């Protein structure tokens, strides 16, 4: 997912989407999830409950499926 995130950020900057709070929040959530997944993969014992890791995996999958739509949105010039 990190390459998709990086692509979305690059395209968003090129098209002035940093002016849109909602888009910035969406991208921040994606970044936080990438970071949480990276942390969990590095040390899965840090997740106290199996359910915690299952939740992260489910969230990761939803965002992975959503990334093409985010990229499509930010591929167009931002209009306030």
PDB file of N, CA and C in Angstrom:
ATOM      1  N   UNK A   1       0.815  -1.187   0.000  1.00  0.00           N
ATOM      2  CA  UNK A   1       0.000   0.000   0.000  1.00  0.00           C
ATOM      3  C   UNK A   1       0.863   1.256   0.000  1.00  0.00           C
ATOM      4  N   UNK A   2       2.064   1.166   0.519  1.00  0.00           N
ATOM      5  CA  UNK A   2       2.908   2.354   0.591  1.00  0.00           C
ATOM      6  C   UNK A   2       3.164   2.999  -0.779  1.00  0.00           C
ATOM      7  N   UNK A   3       3.420   2.212  -1.843  1.00  0.00           N
ATOM      8  CA  UNK A   3       3.581   2.851  -3.155  1.00  0.00           C
ATOM      9  C   UNK A   3       2.315   3.594  -3.606  1.00  0.00           C
ATOM     10  N   UNK A   4       1.149   3.044  -3.311  1.00  0.00           N
ATOM     11  CA  UNK A   4      -0.101   3.731  -3.657  1.00  0.00           C
ATOM     12  C   UNK A   4      -0.237   5.024  -2.866  1.00  0.00           C
ATOM     13  N   UNK A   5       0.109   4.954  -1.581  1.00  0.00           N
ATOM     14  CA  UNK A   5       0.059   6.152  -0.737  1.00  0.00           C
ATOM     15  C   UNK A   5       1.000   7.219  -1.287  1.00  0.00           C
ATOM     16  N   UNK A   6       2.231   6.829  -1.596  1.00  0.00           N
ATOM     17  CA  UNK A   6       3.210   7.780  -2.119  1.00  0.00           C
ATOM     18  C   UNK A   6       2.734   8.406  -3.430  1.00  0.00           C
ATOM     19  N   UNK A   7       2.127   7.592  -4.282  1.00  0.00           N
ATOM     20  CA  UNK A   7       1.590   8.099  -5.539  1.00  0.00           C
ATOM     21  C   UNK A   7       0.472   9.104  -5.264  1.00  0.00           C
ATOM     22  N   UNK A   8      -0.420   8.769  -4.340  1.00  0.00           N
ATOM     23  CA  UNK A   8      -1.533   9.664  -4.015  1.00  0.00           C
ATOM     24  C   UNK A   8      -1.033  10.994  -3.484  1.00  0.00           C
ATOM     25  N   UNK A   9      -0.038  10.960  -2.604  1.00  0.00           N
ATOM     26  CA  UNK A   9       0.505  12.200  -2.045  1.00  0.00           C
ATOM     27  C   UNK A   9       1.151  13.047  -3.131  1.00  0.00           C
ATOM     28  N   UNK A  10       1.928  12.428  -3.979  1.00  0.00           N
ATOM     29  CA  UNK A  10       2.598  13.157  -5.060  1.00  0.00           C
ATOM     30  C   UNK A  10       1.578  13.823  -5.986  1.00  0.00           C
ATOM     31  N   UNK A  11       0.587  13.056  -6.408  1.00  0.00           N
ATOM     32  CA  UNK A  11      -0.429  13.588  -7.320  1.00  0.00           C
ATOM     33  C   UNK A  11      -1.269  14.661  -6.621  1.00  0.00           C
ATOM     34  N   UNK A  12      -1.576  14.443  -5.342  1.00  0.00           N
ATOM     35  CA  UNK A  12      -2.353  15.434  -4.585  1.00  0.00           C
ATOM     36  C   UNK A  12      -1.617  16.765  -4.521  1.00  0.00           C
ATOM     37  N   UNK A  13      -0.315  16.711  -4.274  1.00  0.00           N
ATOM     38  CA  UNK A  13       0.475  17.952  -4.224  1.00  0.00           C
ATOM     39  C   UNK A  13       0.503  18.634  -5.586  1.00  0.00           C
ATOM     40  N   UNK A  14       0.668  17.843  -6.632  1.00  0.00           N
ATOM     41  CA  UNK A  14       0.711  18.405  -7.984  1.00  0.00           C
ATOM     42  C   UNK A  14      -0.586  19.107  -8.348  1.00  0.00           C
ATOM     43  N   UNK A  15      -1.698  18.638  -7.772  1.00  0.00           N
ATOM     44  CA  UNK A  15      -3.009  19.188  -8.123  1.00  0.00           C
ATOM     45  C   UNK A  15      -3.631  20.028  -7.011  1.00  0.00           C
ATOM     46  N   UNK A  16      -2.804  20.462  -6.067  1.00  0.00           N
ATOM     47  CA  UNK A  16      -3.198  21.409  -5.005  1.00  0.00           C
ATOM     48  C   UNK A  16      -4.204  20.859  -4.002  1.00  0.00           C
ATOM     49  N   UNK A  17      -4.263  19.553  -3.810  1.00  0.00           N
ATOM     50  CA  UNK A  17      -5.213  18.973  -2.873  1.00  0.00           C
ATOM     51  C   UNK A  17      -4.818  19.175  -1.417  1.00  0.00           C
ATOM     52  N   UNK A  18      -3.620  19.675  -1.163  1.00  0.00           N
ATOM     53  CA  UNK A  18      -3.240  19.930   0.230  1.00  0.00           C
ATOM     54  C   UNK A  18      -4.109  21.024   0.840  1.00  0.00           C
ATOM     55  N   UNK A  19      -4.862  21.736   0.009  1.00  0.00           N
ATOM     56  CA  UNK A  19      -5.794  22.756   0.496  1.00  0.00           C
ATOM     57  C   UNK A  19      -7.108  22.151   0.986  1.00  0.00           C
ATOM     58  N   UNK A  20      -7.314  20.868   0.741  1.00  0.00           N
ATOM     59  CA  UNK A  20      -8.564  20.211   1.123  1.00  0.00           C
ATOM     60  C   UNK A  20      -8.350  19.396   2.399  1.00  0.00           C
ATOM     61  N   UNK A  21      -8.956  19.855   3.491  1.00  0.00           N
ATOM     62  CA  UNK A  21      -8.777  19.201   4.794  1.00  0.00           C
ATOM     63  C   UNK A  21      -9.199  17.737   4.797  1.00  0.00           C
ATOM     64  N   UNK A  22     -10.290  17.426   4.152  1.00  0.00           N
ATOM     65  CA  UNK A  22     -10.782  16.052   4.133  1.00  0.00           C
ATOM     66  C   UNK A  22      -9.784  15.124   3.453  1.00  0.00           C
ATOM     67  N   UNK A  23      -9.242  15.554   2.353  1.00  0.00           N
ATOM     68  CA  UNK A  23      -8.260  14.735   1.638  1.00  0.00           C
ATOM     69  C   UNK A  23      -7.005  14.542   2.480  1.00  0.00           C
ATOM     70  N   UNK A  24      -6.561  15.588   3.138  1.00  0.00           N
ATOM     71  CA  UNK A  24      -5.389  15.483   4.006  1.00  0.00           C
ATOM     72  C   UNK A  24      -5.673  14.495   5.137  1.00  0.00           C
ATOM     73  N   UNK A  25      -6.849  14.545   5.718  1.00  0.00           N
ATOM     74  CA  UNK A  25      -7.220  13.601   6.777  1.00  0.00           C
ATOM     75  C   UNK A  25      -7.238  12.168   6.252  1.00  0.00           C
ATOM     76  N   UNK A  26      -7.790  11.976   5.058  1.00  0.00           N
ATOM     77  CA  UNK A  26      -7.810  10.638   4.455  1.00  0.00           C
ATOM     78  C   UNK A  26      -6.392  10.104   4.271  1.00  0.00           C
ATOM     79  N   UNK A  27      -5.524  10.932   3.738  1.00  0.00           N
ATOM     80  CA  UNK A  27      -4.147  10.501   3.502  1.00  0.00           C
ATOM     81  C   UNK A  27      -3.409  10.265   4.821  1.00  0.00           C
ATOM     82  N   UNK A  28      -3.701  11.070   5.835  1.00  0.00           N
ATOM     83  CA  UNK A  28      -3.087  10.850   7.153  1.00  0.00           C
ATOM     84  C   UNK A  28      -3.531   9.526   7.765  1.00  0.00           C
ATOM     85  N   UNK A  29      -4.791   9.180   7.588  1.00  0.00           N
ATOM     86  CA  UNK A  29      -5.293   7.904   8.093  1.00  0.00           C
ATOM     87  C   UNK A  29      -4.593   6.748   7.385  1.00  0.00           C
ATOM     88  N   UNK A  30      -4.437   6.868   6.085  1.00  0.00           N
ATOM     89  CA  UNK A  30      -3.738   5.826   5.328  1.00  0.00           C
ATOM     90  C   UNK A  30      -2.310   5.683   5.853  1.00  0.00           C
ATOM     91  N   UNK A  31      -1.644   6.819   6.060  1.00  0.00           N
ATOM     92  CA  UNK A  31      -0.264   6.768   6.565  1.00  0.00           C
ATOM     93  C   UNK A  31      -0.203   6.094   7.938  1.00  0.00           C
ATOM     94  N   UNK A  32      -1.126   6.450   8.820  1.00  0.00           N
ATOM     95  CA  UNK A  32      -1.141   5.851  10.159  1.00  0.00           C
ATOM     96  C   UNK A  32      -1.369   4.349  10.093  1.00  0.00           C
ATOM     97  N   UNK A  33      -2.223   3.919   9.198  1.00  0.00           N
ATOM     98  CA  UNK A  33      -2.480   2.488   9.060  1.00  0.00           C
ATOM     99  C   UNK A  33      -1.261   1.764   8.492  1.00  0.00           C
ATOM    100  N   UNK A  34      -0.601   2.369   7.535  1.00  0.00           N
ATOM    101  CA  UNK A  34       0.631   1.779   6.993  1.00  0.00           C
ATOM    102  C   UNK A  34       1.649   1.628   8.124  1.00  0.00           C
ATOM    103  N   UNK A  35       1.771   2.668   8.922  1.00  0.00           N
ATOM    104  CA  UNK A  35       2.727   2.651  10.029  1.00  0.00           C
ATOM    105  C   UNK A  35       2.349   1.583  11.063  1.00  0.00           C
ATOM    106  N   UNK A  36       1.066   1.476  11.392  1.00  0.00           N
ATOM    107  CA  UNK A  36       0.619   0.468  12.353  1.00  0.00           C
ATOM    108  C   UNK A  36       0.865  -0.941  11.832  1.00  0.00           C
ATOM    109  N   UNK A  37       0.601  -1.148  10.558  1.00  0.00           N
ATOM    110  CA  UNK A  37       0.823  -2.472   9.966  1.00  0.00           C
ATOM    111  C   UNK A  37       2.312  -2.801   9.948  1.00  0.00           C
ATOM    112  N   UNK A  38       3.126  -1.830   9.613  1.00  0.00           N
ATOM    113  CA  UNK A  38       4.584  -2.033   9.599  1.00  0.00           C
ATOM    114  C   UNK A  38       5.065  -2.411  11.000  1.00  0.00           C
ATOM    115  N   UNK A  39       4.557  -1.729  11.993  1.00  0.00           N
ATOM    116  CA  UNK A  39       4.917  -1.981  13.386  1.00  0.00           C
ATOM    117  C   UNK A  39       4.471  -3.383  13.803  1.00  0.00           C
ATOM    118  N   UNK A  40       3.258  -3.746  13.403  1.00  0.00           N
ATOM    119  CA  UNK A  40       2.719  -5.056  13.749  1.00  0.00           C
ATOM    120  C   UNK A  40       3.466  -6.194  13.087  1.00  0.00           C
ATOM    121  N   UNK A  41       3.892  -5.992  11.860  1.00  0.00           N
ATOM    122  CA  UNK A  41       4.658  -7.019  11.152  1.00  0.00           C
ATOM    123  C   UNK A  41       6.031  -7.176  11.802  1.00  0.00           C
ATOM    124  N   UNK A  42       6.611  -6.061  12.211  1.00  0.00           N
ATOM    125  CA  UNK A  42       7.935  -6.104  12.826  1.00  0.00           C
ATOM    126  C   UNK A  42       7.900  -6.805  14.183  1.00  0.00           C
ATOM    127  N   UNK A  43       6.827  -6.593  14.935  1.00  0.00           N
ATOM    128  CA  UNK A  43       6.731  -7.208  16.262  1.00  0.00           C
ATOM    129  C   UNK A  43       5.279  -7.520  16.590  1.00  0.00           C
ATOM    130  N   UNK A  44       4.751  -8.624  16.042  1.00  0.00           N
ATOM    131  CA  UNK A  44       3.343  -8.962  16.263  1.00  0.00           C
ATOM    132  C   UNK A  44       2.995  -9.199  17.726  1.00  0.00           C
ATOM    133  N   UNK A  45       3.970  -9.480  18.564  1.00  0.00           N
ATOM    134  CA  UNK A  45       3.682  -9.717  19.977  1.00  0.00           C
ATOM    135  C   UNK A  45       3.185  -8.453  20.674  1.00  0.00           C
ATOM    136  N   UNK A  46       3.392  -7.298  20.055  1.00  0.00           N
ATOM    137  CA  UNK A  46       2.933  -6.043  20.639  1.00  0.00           C
ATOM    138  C   UNK A  46       1.413  -5.918  20.613  1.00  0.00           C
ATOM    139  N   UNK A  47       0.784  -6.681  19.743  1.00  0.00           N
ATOM    140  CA  UNK A  47      -0.681  -6.690  19.731  1.00  0.00           C
ATOM    141  C   UNK A  47      -1.137  -7.636  20.823  1.00  0.00           C
ATOM    142  N   UNK A  48      -1.810  -7.089  21.810  1.00  0.00           N
ATOM    143  CA  UNK A  48      -2.214  -7.882  22.971  1.00  0.00           C
ATOM    144  C   UNK A  48      -3.235  -8.955  22.617  1.00  0.00           C
ATOM    145  N   UNK A  49      -4.103  -8.616  21.751  1.00  0.00           N
ATOM    146  CA  UNK A  49      -5.181  -9.533  21.380  1.00  0.00           C
ATOM    147  C   UNK A  49      -5.094  -9.820  19.883  1.00  0.00           C
ATOM    148  N   UNK A  50      -5.398 -11.030  19.520  1.00  0.00           N
ATOM    149  CA  UNK A  50      -5.439 -11.393  18.102  1.00  0.00           C
ATOM    150  C   UNK A  50      -6.426 -10.497  17.365  1.00  0.00           C
ATOM    151  N   UNK A  51      -7.488 -10.116  18.047  1.00  0.00           N
ATOM    152  CA  UNK A  51      -8.508  -9.274  17.428  1.00  0.00           C
ATOM    153  C   UNK A  51      -7.928  -7.940  16.992  1.00  0.00           C
ATOM    154  N   UNK A  52      -6.938  -7.420  17.735  1.00  0.00           N
ATOM    155  CA  UNK A  52      -6.315  -6.151  17.358  1.00  0.00           C
ATOM    156  C   UNK A  52      -5.667  -6.259  15.981  1.00  0.00           C
ATOM    157  N   UNK A  53      -4.930  -7.324  15.765  1.00  0.00           N
ATOM    158  CA  UNK A  53      -4.251  -7.518  14.480  1.00  0.00           C
ATOM    159  C   UNK A  53      -5.275  -7.788  13.378  1.00  0.00           C
ATOM    160  N   UNK A  54      -6.317  -8.534  13.695  1.00  0.00           N
ATOM    161  CA  UNK A  54      -7.377  -8.799  12.714  1.00  0.00           C
ATOM    162  C   UNK A  54      -8.035  -7.489  12.297  1.00  0.00           C
ATOM    163  N   UNK A  55      -8.268  -6.610  13.243  1.00  0.00           N
ATOM    164  CA  UNK A  55      -8.863  -5.308  12.937  1.00  0.00           C
ATOM    165  C   UNK A  55      -7.957  -4.505  12.023  1.00  0.00           C
ATOM    166  N   UNK A  56      -6.658  -4.479  12.319  1.00  0.00           N
ATOM    167  CA  UNK A  56      -5.710  -3.747  11.476  1.00  0.00           C
ATOM    168  C   UNK A  56      -5.710  -4.312  10.056  1.00  0.00           C
ATOM    169  N   UNK A  57      -5.731  -5.635   9.939  1.00  0.00           N
ATOM    170  CA  UNK A  57      -5.731  -6.269   8.617  1.00  0.00           C
ATOM    171  C   UNK A  57      -7.004  -5.900   7.854  1.00  0.00           C
ATOM    172  N   UNK A  58      -8.143  -5.908   8.525  1.00  0.00           N
ATOM    173  CA  UNK A  58      -9.403  -5.535   7.872  1.00  0.00           C
ATOM    174  C   UNK A  58      -9.373  -4.079   7.415  1.00  0.00           C
ATOM    175  N   UNK A  59      -8.875  -3.191   8.262  1.00  0.00           N
ATOM    176  CA  UNK A  59      -8.780  -1.775   7.897  1.00  0.00           C
ATOM    177  C   UNK A  59      -7.827  -1.586   6.723  1.00  0.00           C
ATOM    178  N   UNK A  60      -6.732  -2.306   6.759  1.00  0.00           N
ATOM    179  CA  UNK A  60      -5.732  -2.241   5.691  1.00  0.00           C
ATOM    180  C   UNK A  60      -6.369  -2.642   4.370  1.00  0.00           C
ATOM    181  N   UNK A  61      -7.159  -3.718   4.382  1.00  0.00           N
ATOM    182  CA  UNK A  61      -7.812  -4.195   3.166  1.00  0.00           C
ATOM    183  C   UNK A  61      -8.805  -3.170   2.622  1.00  0.00           C
ATOM    184  N   UNK A  62      -9.585  -2.560   3.504  1.00  0.00           N
ATOM    185  CA  UNK A  62     -10.552  -1.545   3.070  1.00  0.00           C
ATOM    186  C   UNK A  62      -9.830  -0.364   2.428  1.00  0.00           C
ATOM    187  N   UNK A  63      -8.776   0.087   3.059  1.00  0.00           N
ATOM    188  CA  UNK A  63      -8.052   1.231   2.517  1.00  0.00           C
ATOM    189  C   UNK A  63      -7.346   0.860   1.218  1.00  0.00           C
ATOM    190  N   UNK A  64      -6.813  -0.345   1.158  1.00  0.00           N
ATOM    191  CA  UNK A  64      -6.170  -0.805  -0.081  1.00  0.00           C
ATOM    192  C   UNK A  64      -7.159  -0.778  -1.238  1.00  0.00           C
ATOM    193  N   UNK A  65      -8.391  -1.196  -0.982  1.00  0.00           N
ATOM    194  CA  UNK A  65      -9.430  -1.181  -2.013  1.00  0.00           C
ATOM    195  C   UNK A  65      -9.857   0.246  -2.360  1.00  0.00           C
ATOM    196  N   UNK A  66      -9.707   1.163  -1.418  1.00  0.00           N
ATOM    197  CA  UNK A  66     -10.136   2.553  -1.605  1.00  0.00           C
ATOM    198  C   UNK A  66      -9.080   3.418  -2.284  1.00  0.00           C
ATOM    199  N   UNK A  67      -7.823   3.032  -2.188  1.00  0.00           N
ATOM    200  CA  UNK A  67      -6.740   3.857  -2.720  1.00  0.00           C
ATOM    201  C   UNK A  67      -6.916   4.239  -4.192  1.00  0.00           C
ATOM    202  N   UNK A  68      -7.343   3.349  -5.077  1.00  0.00           N
ATOM    203  CA  UNK A  68      -7.534   3.786  -6.473  1.00  0.00           C
ATOM    204  C   UNK A  68      -8.532   4.940  -6.606  1.00  0.00           C
ATOM    205  N   UNK A  69      -9.557   4.957  -5.757  1.00  0.00           N
ATOM    206  CA  UNK A  69     -10.541   6.040  -5.805  1.00  0.00           C
ATOM    207  C   UNK A  69      -9.936   7.352  -5.291  1.00  0.00           C
ATOM    208  N   UNK A  70      -9.104   7.258  -4.257  1.00  0.00           N
ATOM    209  CA  UNK A  70      -8.435   8.449  -3.742  1.00  0.00           C
ATOM    210  C   UNK A  70      -7.484   9.000  -4.808  1.00  0.00           C
ATOM    211  N   UNK A  71      -6.716   8.117  -5.423  1.00  0.00           N
ATOM    212  CA  UNK A  71      -5.787   8.548  -6.471  1.00  0.00           C
ATOM    213  C   UNK A  71      -6.540   9.189  -7.628  1.00  0.00           C
ATOM    214  N   UNK A  72      -7.658   8.589  -8.001  1.00  0.00           N
ATOM    215  CA  UNK A  72      -8.468   9.173  -9.080  1.00  0.00           C
ATOM    216  C   UNK A  72      -8.955  10.562  -8.694  1.00  0.00           C
ATOM    217  N   UNK A  73      -9.414  10.723  -7.472  1.00  0.00           N
ATOM    218  CA  UNK A  73      -9.912  12.022  -7.011  1.00  0.00           C
ATOM    219  C   UNK A  73      -8.823  13.082  -7.062  1.00  0.00           C
ATOM    220  N   UNK A  74      -7.642  12.781  -6.541  1.00  0.00           N
ATOM    221  CA  UNK A  74      -6.576  13.787  -6.477  1.00  0.00           C
ATOM    222  C   UNK A  74      -5.861  13.972  -7.821  1.00  0.00           C
ATOM    223  N   UNK A  75      -6.190  13.137  -8.796  1.00  0.00           N
ATOM    224  CA  UNK A  75      -5.599  13.275 -10.127  1.00  0.00           C
ATOM    225  C   UNK A  75      -6.195  14.437 -10.900  1.00  0.00           C
ATOM    226  N   UNK A  76      -7.293  14.939 -10.397  1.00  0.00           N
ATOM    227  CA  UNK A  76      -7.940  16.098 -11.016  1.00  0.00           C
ATOM    228  C   UNK A  76      -7.543  17.344 -10.226  1.00  0.00           C
ATOM    229  N   UNK A  77      -7.430  18.484 -10.881  1.00  0.00           N
ATOM    230  CA  UNK A  77      -7.080  19.718 -10.155  1.00  0.00           C
ATOM    231  C   UNK A  77      -8.104  20.019  -9.066  1.00  0.00           C
ATOM    232  N   UNK A  78      -7.596  20.433  -7.902  1.00  0.00           N
ATOM    233  CA  UNK A  78      -8.467  20.807  -6.784  1.00  0.00           C
ATOM    234  C   UNK A  78      -9.152  22.122  -7.094  1.00  0.00           C
ATOM    235  N   UNK A  79     -10.452  22.154  -6.871  1.00  0.00           N
ATOM    236  CA  UNK A  79     -11.240  23.380  -7.040  1.00  0.00           C
ATOM    237  C   UNK A  79     -11.943  23.644  -5.718  1.00  0.00           C
ATOM    238  N   UNK A  80     -11.689  24.795  -5.156  1.00  0.00           N
ATOM    239  CA  UNK A  80     -12.284  25.153  -3.871  1.00  0.00           C
ATOM    240  C   UNK A  80     -13.701  25.610  -4.023  1.00  0.00           C
TER     241      UNK A  80
END
